[in-house]
N, C-alpha and C. Protein backbone atom coordinates (compact mmCIF):
# COMPACT_ATOMS: atom_id res chain seq x y z
N MET A 1 -7.80 -22.78 -2.92
CA MET A 1 -7.60 -21.64 -2.05
C MET A 1 -6.15 -21.14 -2.18
N SER A 2 -5.98 -19.86 -2.13
CA SER A 2 -4.66 -19.25 -2.19
C SER A 2 -3.86 -19.67 -0.96
N PRO A 3 -2.57 -19.97 -1.10
CA PRO A 3 -1.75 -20.33 0.05
C PRO A 3 -1.44 -19.13 0.96
N ILE A 4 -1.61 -17.92 0.43
CA ILE A 4 -1.47 -16.70 1.23
C ILE A 4 -2.76 -15.91 1.10
N THR A 5 -3.36 -15.61 2.24
CA THR A 5 -4.58 -14.80 2.26
C THR A 5 -4.40 -13.65 3.23
N THR A 6 -5.30 -12.69 3.15
CA THR A 6 -5.25 -11.55 4.05
C THR A 6 -6.66 -11.01 4.26
N HIS A 7 -6.81 -10.28 5.32
CA HIS A 7 -8.02 -9.47 5.49
C HIS A 7 -7.64 -8.24 6.31
N ILE A 8 -8.42 -7.20 6.15
CA ILE A 8 -8.15 -5.95 6.86
C ILE A 8 -9.39 -5.53 7.62
N LEU A 9 -9.20 -5.26 8.90
CA LEU A 9 -10.27 -4.72 9.73
C LEU A 9 -9.93 -3.27 10.04
N ASP A 10 -10.82 -2.38 9.69
CA ASP A 10 -10.66 -0.96 10.00
C ASP A 10 -11.12 -0.77 11.45
N THR A 11 -10.16 -0.70 12.37
CA THR A 11 -10.52 -0.61 13.79
C THR A 11 -11.05 0.78 14.16
N HIS A 12 -10.78 1.77 13.33
CA HIS A 12 -11.31 3.12 13.55
C HIS A 12 -12.82 3.15 13.32
N ARG A 13 -13.26 2.44 12.28
CA ARG A 13 -14.68 2.42 11.93
C ARG A 13 -15.40 1.18 12.45
N GLY A 14 -14.63 0.17 12.87
CA GLY A 14 -15.22 -1.06 13.39
C GLY A 14 -15.85 -1.93 12.32
N CYS A 15 -15.24 -1.97 11.13
CA CYS A 15 -15.78 -2.76 10.03
C CYS A 15 -14.66 -3.19 9.09
N PRO A 16 -14.94 -4.12 8.19
CA PRO A 16 -13.91 -4.52 7.22
C PRO A 16 -13.52 -3.34 6.32
N ALA A 17 -12.26 -3.37 5.88
CA ALA A 17 -11.75 -2.33 4.98
C ALA A 17 -11.84 -2.84 3.54
N ALA A 18 -12.87 -2.42 2.84
CA ALA A 18 -13.08 -2.83 1.44
C ALA A 18 -12.34 -1.89 0.50
N GLY A 19 -11.89 -2.44 -0.63
CA GLY A 19 -11.29 -1.62 -1.67
C GLY A 19 -9.83 -1.23 -1.44
N VAL A 20 -9.14 -1.94 -0.55
CA VAL A 20 -7.72 -1.64 -0.32
C VAL A 20 -6.88 -2.43 -1.33
N LYS A 21 -6.04 -1.73 -2.06
CA LYS A 21 -5.16 -2.40 -3.02
C LYS A 21 -3.98 -3.00 -2.27
N ILE A 22 -3.64 -4.22 -2.68
CA ILE A 22 -2.57 -4.98 -2.03
C ILE A 22 -1.68 -5.57 -3.12
N GLU A 23 -0.38 -5.50 -2.87
CA GLU A 23 0.57 -6.13 -3.78
C GLU A 23 1.46 -7.07 -2.98
N LEU A 24 1.61 -8.29 -3.47
CA LEU A 24 2.51 -9.27 -2.88
C LEU A 24 3.81 -9.24 -3.67
N ARG A 25 4.93 -9.12 -2.96
CA ARG A 25 6.24 -9.09 -3.61
C ARG A 25 7.12 -10.18 -3.02
N GLY A 26 7.99 -10.73 -3.83
CA GLY A 26 8.93 -11.74 -3.39
C GLY A 26 10.36 -11.26 -3.56
N LEU A 27 11.24 -11.68 -2.65
CA LEU A 27 12.64 -11.30 -2.70
C LEU A 27 13.40 -12.20 -3.67
N LYS A 28 14.05 -11.56 -4.63
CA LYS A 28 14.84 -12.30 -5.61
C LYS A 28 16.02 -11.43 -6.01
N ASP A 29 17.22 -11.98 -5.94
CA ASP A 29 18.44 -11.26 -6.31
C ASP A 29 18.59 -9.95 -5.53
N GLY A 30 18.23 -9.96 -4.25
CA GLY A 30 18.42 -8.81 -3.38
C GLY A 30 17.39 -7.72 -3.47
N ALA A 31 16.34 -7.91 -4.26
CA ALA A 31 15.28 -6.90 -4.39
C ALA A 31 13.91 -7.57 -4.39
N PHE A 32 12.90 -6.82 -4.00
CA PHE A 32 11.54 -7.33 -4.00
C PHE A 32 10.88 -7.05 -5.34
N HIS A 33 10.24 -8.08 -5.89
CA HIS A 33 9.58 -7.98 -7.20
C HIS A 33 8.11 -8.37 -7.07
N PRO A 34 7.21 -7.68 -7.77
CA PRO A 34 5.77 -8.01 -7.71
C PRO A 34 5.50 -9.44 -8.16
N ILE A 35 4.64 -10.11 -7.42
CA ILE A 35 4.21 -11.48 -7.76
C ILE A 35 2.72 -11.50 -8.08
N ALA A 36 1.95 -10.81 -7.26
CA ALA A 36 0.49 -10.81 -7.42
C ALA A 36 -0.06 -9.54 -6.79
N SER A 37 -1.29 -9.20 -7.17
CA SER A 37 -1.95 -8.04 -6.58
C SER A 37 -3.45 -8.24 -6.62
N GLY A 38 -4.12 -7.42 -5.86
CA GLY A 38 -5.57 -7.48 -5.83
C GLY A 38 -6.11 -6.41 -4.93
N GLU A 39 -7.40 -6.50 -4.65
CA GLU A 39 -8.10 -5.51 -3.84
C GLU A 39 -9.04 -6.23 -2.89
N THR A 40 -9.11 -5.72 -1.67
CA THR A 40 -9.99 -6.37 -0.70
C THR A 40 -11.46 -6.24 -1.12
N ASN A 41 -12.21 -7.29 -0.83
CA ASN A 41 -13.64 -7.31 -1.16
C ASN A 41 -14.45 -6.62 -0.07
N ALA A 42 -15.76 -6.69 -0.14
CA ALA A 42 -16.65 -6.03 0.82
C ALA A 42 -16.44 -6.53 2.25
N ASP A 43 -15.90 -7.75 2.39
CA ASP A 43 -15.62 -8.31 3.71
C ASP A 43 -14.19 -8.02 4.15
N GLY A 44 -13.47 -7.17 3.40
CA GLY A 44 -12.11 -6.81 3.74
C GLY A 44 -11.09 -7.90 3.46
N ARG A 45 -11.47 -8.89 2.64
CA ARG A 45 -10.60 -10.04 2.38
C ARG A 45 -10.10 -10.05 0.95
N LEU A 46 -8.96 -10.71 0.78
CA LEU A 46 -8.39 -10.94 -0.55
C LEU A 46 -8.06 -12.43 -0.61
N PRO A 47 -9.08 -13.25 -0.89
CA PRO A 47 -8.89 -14.71 -0.81
C PRO A 47 -8.15 -15.33 -1.98
N GLY A 48 -8.18 -14.75 -3.17
CA GLY A 48 -7.62 -15.39 -4.35
C GLY A 48 -6.31 -14.78 -4.82
N LEU A 49 -5.43 -14.46 -3.90
CA LEU A 49 -4.20 -13.77 -4.26
C LEU A 49 -3.27 -14.61 -5.12
N LEU A 50 -3.04 -15.87 -4.75
CA LEU A 50 -2.13 -16.76 -5.47
C LEU A 50 -2.84 -18.05 -5.86
N ALA A 51 -2.38 -18.64 -6.93
CA ALA A 51 -2.91 -19.94 -7.34
C ALA A 51 -2.37 -21.02 -6.39
N GLU A 52 -3.20 -22.00 -6.10
CA GLU A 52 -2.78 -23.11 -5.26
C GLU A 52 -1.58 -23.79 -5.90
N GLY A 53 -0.59 -24.12 -5.09
CA GLY A 53 0.61 -24.79 -5.57
C GLY A 53 1.68 -23.86 -6.11
N SER A 54 1.46 -22.55 -6.08
CA SER A 54 2.44 -21.61 -6.63
C SER A 54 3.42 -21.05 -5.60
N LEU A 55 3.24 -21.41 -4.34
CA LEU A 55 4.07 -20.86 -3.27
C LEU A 55 5.43 -21.55 -3.22
N LYS A 56 6.48 -20.75 -3.02
CA LYS A 56 7.84 -21.26 -2.89
C LYS A 56 8.44 -20.70 -1.60
N PRO A 57 9.38 -21.41 -0.98
CA PRO A 57 10.05 -20.86 0.20
C PRO A 57 10.74 -19.54 -0.15
N GLY A 58 10.74 -18.61 0.79
CA GLY A 58 11.41 -17.34 0.55
C GLY A 58 10.90 -16.22 1.43
N ILE A 59 11.41 -15.04 1.18
CA ILE A 59 11.02 -13.82 1.90
C ILE A 59 10.04 -13.06 1.01
N TYR A 60 8.94 -12.64 1.62
CA TYR A 60 7.88 -11.95 0.90
C TYR A 60 7.51 -10.65 1.61
N GLN A 61 6.89 -9.75 0.88
CA GLN A 61 6.31 -8.53 1.44
C GLN A 61 4.90 -8.37 0.92
N MET A 62 4.04 -7.90 1.80
CA MET A 62 2.69 -7.52 1.42
C MET A 62 2.60 -6.00 1.59
N HIS A 63 2.29 -5.31 0.50
CA HIS A 63 2.14 -3.85 0.52
C HIS A 63 0.66 -3.51 0.53
N PHE A 64 0.23 -2.82 1.55
CA PHE A 64 -1.16 -2.39 1.69
C PHE A 64 -1.22 -0.89 1.38
N ALA A 65 -2.02 -0.47 0.42
CA ALA A 65 -2.13 0.93 0.01
C ALA A 65 -3.10 1.66 0.92
N THR A 66 -2.63 2.02 2.11
CA THR A 66 -3.51 2.60 3.13
C THR A 66 -3.85 4.07 2.88
N GLU A 67 -2.96 4.80 2.23
CA GLU A 67 -3.24 6.22 1.98
C GLU A 67 -4.47 6.39 1.09
N ALA A 68 -4.54 5.63 0.01
CA ALA A 68 -5.69 5.73 -0.90
C ALA A 68 -6.98 5.30 -0.20
N TYR A 69 -6.88 4.27 0.64
CA TYR A 69 -8.07 3.82 1.38
C TYR A 69 -8.58 4.93 2.30
N HIS A 70 -7.69 5.50 3.10
CA HIS A 70 -8.13 6.55 4.03
C HIS A 70 -8.63 7.78 3.26
N ALA A 71 -7.96 8.13 2.17
CA ALA A 71 -8.40 9.27 1.38
C ALA A 71 -9.81 9.06 0.84
N SER A 72 -10.13 7.82 0.47
CA SER A 72 -11.48 7.54 -0.04
C SER A 72 -12.55 7.75 1.03
N LEU A 73 -12.13 7.75 2.28
CA LEU A 73 -13.06 7.98 3.40
C LEU A 73 -13.00 9.43 3.89
N GLY A 74 -12.16 10.25 3.25
CA GLY A 74 -12.01 11.64 3.68
C GLY A 74 -11.17 11.77 4.94
N ILE A 75 -10.28 10.82 5.16
CA ILE A 75 -9.43 10.80 6.36
C ILE A 75 -7.98 10.97 5.94
N LYS A 76 -7.24 11.78 6.66
CA LYS A 76 -5.79 11.90 6.43
C LYS A 76 -5.11 11.02 7.47
N GLY A 77 -4.57 9.91 7.03
CA GLY A 77 -3.87 9.01 7.93
C GLY A 77 -2.40 9.34 8.03
N PHE A 78 -1.72 8.66 8.93
CA PHE A 78 -0.30 8.89 9.17
C PHE A 78 0.58 7.98 8.31
N TYR A 79 0.10 6.78 8.03
CA TYR A 79 0.88 5.80 7.27
C TYR A 79 0.36 5.70 5.83
N PRO A 80 1.13 6.16 4.85
CA PRO A 80 0.67 6.09 3.46
C PRO A 80 0.63 4.66 2.93
N GLU A 81 1.41 3.79 3.53
CA GLU A 81 1.37 2.37 3.18
C GLU A 81 1.79 1.56 4.39
N VAL A 82 1.39 0.31 4.39
CA VAL A 82 1.86 -0.64 5.39
C VAL A 82 2.56 -1.74 4.62
N VAL A 83 3.77 -2.05 5.04
CA VAL A 83 4.55 -3.11 4.42
C VAL A 83 4.83 -4.16 5.49
N VAL A 84 4.39 -5.38 5.22
CA VAL A 84 4.62 -6.49 6.14
C VAL A 84 5.55 -7.47 5.45
N THR A 85 6.70 -7.70 6.06
CA THR A 85 7.70 -8.63 5.52
C THR A 85 7.65 -9.91 6.33
N PHE A 86 7.62 -11.04 5.63
CA PHE A 86 7.51 -12.34 6.32
C PHE A 86 8.25 -13.40 5.53
N GLU A 87 8.52 -14.53 6.20
CA GLU A 87 9.26 -15.62 5.57
C GLU A 87 8.40 -16.87 5.47
N ILE A 88 8.41 -17.46 4.30
CA ILE A 88 7.72 -18.73 4.05
C ILE A 88 8.77 -19.84 4.09
N VAL A 89 8.57 -20.81 4.97
CA VAL A 89 9.48 -21.95 5.06
C VAL A 89 8.79 -23.21 4.57
N HIS A 90 7.59 -23.44 5.08
CA HIS A 90 6.84 -24.66 4.77
C HIS A 90 5.75 -24.36 3.74
N ILE A 91 5.97 -24.74 2.49
CA ILE A 91 5.03 -24.39 1.43
C ILE A 91 3.73 -25.19 1.49
N ASP A 92 3.69 -26.20 2.35
CA ASP A 92 2.47 -26.99 2.49
C ASP A 92 1.51 -26.39 3.51
N GLN A 93 1.89 -25.28 4.14
CA GLN A 93 1.03 -24.61 5.11
C GLN A 93 0.30 -23.44 4.48
N HIS A 94 -0.76 -23.01 5.15
CA HIS A 94 -1.51 -21.82 4.74
C HIS A 94 -0.99 -20.64 5.56
N TYR A 95 -0.83 -19.51 4.91
CA TYR A 95 -0.35 -18.31 5.59
C TYR A 95 -1.40 -17.21 5.46
N HIS A 96 -1.89 -16.75 6.61
CA HIS A 96 -2.89 -15.69 6.65
C HIS A 96 -2.25 -14.47 7.30
N ILE A 97 -2.25 -13.35 6.60
CA ILE A 97 -1.60 -12.13 7.07
C ILE A 97 -2.67 -11.06 7.28
N PRO A 98 -3.32 -11.03 8.45
CA PRO A 98 -4.34 -10.02 8.69
C PRO A 98 -3.73 -8.67 9.09
N LEU A 99 -4.48 -7.61 8.84
CA LEU A 99 -4.06 -6.27 9.21
C LEU A 99 -5.20 -5.59 9.97
N LEU A 100 -4.89 -5.11 11.16
CA LEU A 100 -5.81 -4.28 11.93
C LEU A 100 -5.35 -2.84 11.70
N LEU A 101 -6.21 -2.01 11.15
CA LEU A 101 -5.81 -0.71 10.65
C LEU A 101 -6.64 0.43 11.24
N SER A 102 -5.95 1.51 11.59
CA SER A 102 -6.61 2.77 11.92
C SER A 102 -5.78 3.87 11.27
N PRO A 103 -6.24 5.11 11.26
CA PRO A 103 -5.48 6.17 10.59
C PRO A 103 -4.10 6.41 11.21
N PHE A 104 -3.93 6.06 12.48
CA PHE A 104 -2.68 6.39 13.16
C PHE A 104 -1.99 5.18 13.78
N GLY A 105 -2.35 3.99 13.31
CA GLY A 105 -1.70 2.80 13.81
C GLY A 105 -2.15 1.57 13.06
N TYR A 106 -1.38 0.52 13.22
CA TYR A 106 -1.75 -0.78 12.62
C TYR A 106 -1.07 -1.89 13.40
N SER A 107 -1.61 -3.08 13.23
CA SER A 107 -1.06 -4.27 13.86
C SER A 107 -1.29 -5.45 12.92
N THR A 108 -0.38 -6.40 12.97
CA THR A 108 -0.52 -7.59 12.14
C THR A 108 -0.01 -8.79 12.93
N TYR A 109 -0.34 -9.96 12.46
CA TYR A 109 0.07 -11.20 13.10
C TYR A 109 -0.10 -12.32 12.11
N ARG A 110 0.45 -13.49 12.40
CA ARG A 110 0.19 -14.63 11.53
C ARG A 110 -1.10 -15.28 11.98
N GLY A 111 -2.09 -15.23 11.12
CA GLY A 111 -3.39 -15.81 11.42
C GLY A 111 -3.45 -17.25 10.95
N SER A 112 -4.66 -17.78 11.01
CA SER A 112 -4.84 -19.19 10.59
C SER A 112 -5.84 -19.29 9.46
């Protein structure tokens, strides 16, 4: 299992957000660099983002391509992307970064 997972719930439609492109970036030398990417499945999840054992302590960002997702539904949203910045301290733990999304708002938290 990937040490970092995510899922997106479209709270506007009341269902998982499938087909959202996500990029994981890590901070190195003062800038964020791509580490991994993928797309949410039919259940709104991206379970295989990183290989097990590949996680290192550091600052990371998850970029959610929300503009393309909303456009695919014929909706003009307010946020073209959602960027969640978080810190990994304990590499032996699992980190779940869920996103609750609507065209005009979003919320995130550390899940389990």
